[in-house]
Amino acid sequence: MSEHILYRAGYKYQLAEQFVIKLEIFPSQAIEMEFISLNLDG
């Protein structure tokens, strides 16, 4: 897993590939939304 963000040419703030990072946030249930997801393991 790489820790860089690749932006799509011609679009401001739109990612060209998926970006995954491990957080120290552990929700009681998984959160799935259109542009973000947070698993139980952070």
Protein backbone atom coordinates (compact mmCIF):
# COMPACT_ATOMS: atom_id res chain seq x y z
CA MET A 1 0.00 0.00 0.00
CA SER A 2 1.46 3.29 -1.08
CA GLU A 3 0.91 6.48 0.91
CA HIS A 4 0.67 8.91 -2.01
CA ILE A 5 -2.33 10.53 -3.61
CA LEU A 6 -2.60 10.63 -7.40
CA TYR A 7 -4.98 13.28 -8.73
CA ARG A 8 -6.82 13.03 -12.05
CA ALA A 9 -5.58 15.53 -14.66
CA GLY A 10 -8.00 18.36 -15.37
CA TYR A 11 -10.08 17.76 -12.22
CA LYS A 12 -9.52 19.60 -8.95
CA TYR A 13 -9.33 17.22 -5.96
CA GLN A 14 -10.53 14.13 -7.85
CA LEU A 15 -8.41 11.05 -7.18
CA ALA A 16 -7.17 8.94 -10.08
CA GLU A 17 -6.84 5.82 -7.91
CA GLN A 18 -8.12 4.48 -4.61
CA PHE A 19 -6.40 5.87 -1.51
CA VAL A 20 -6.37 3.72 1.62
CA ILE A 21 -4.99 4.71 5.02
CA LYS A 22 -5.16 3.00 8.43
CA LEU A 23 -6.77 5.14 11.16
CA GLU A 24 -7.00 4.81 14.93
CA ILE A 25 -10.80 5.12 14.70
CA PHE A 26 -12.80 1.98 15.50
CA PRO A 27 -16.55 2.40 14.90
CA SER A 28 -19.05 0.01 16.49
CA GLN A 29 -20.27 -0.86 12.97
CA ALA A 30 -18.83 -0.45 9.49
CA ILE A 31 -19.59 2.84 7.72
CA GLU A 32 -20.11 2.73 3.95
CA MET A 33 -20.90 5.91 2.01
CA GLU A 34 -20.59 6.92 -1.63
CA PHE A 35 -17.06 8.35 -1.35
CA ILE A 36 -15.73 6.91 1.93
CA SER A 37 -15.79 3.72 3.97
CA LEU A 38 -14.58 2.91 7.47
CA ASN A 39 -14.16 -0.70 8.57
CA LEU A 40 -14.34 -2.08 12.09
CA ASP A 41 -10.54 -2.48 12.24
CA GLY A 42 -9.89 1.21 11.48
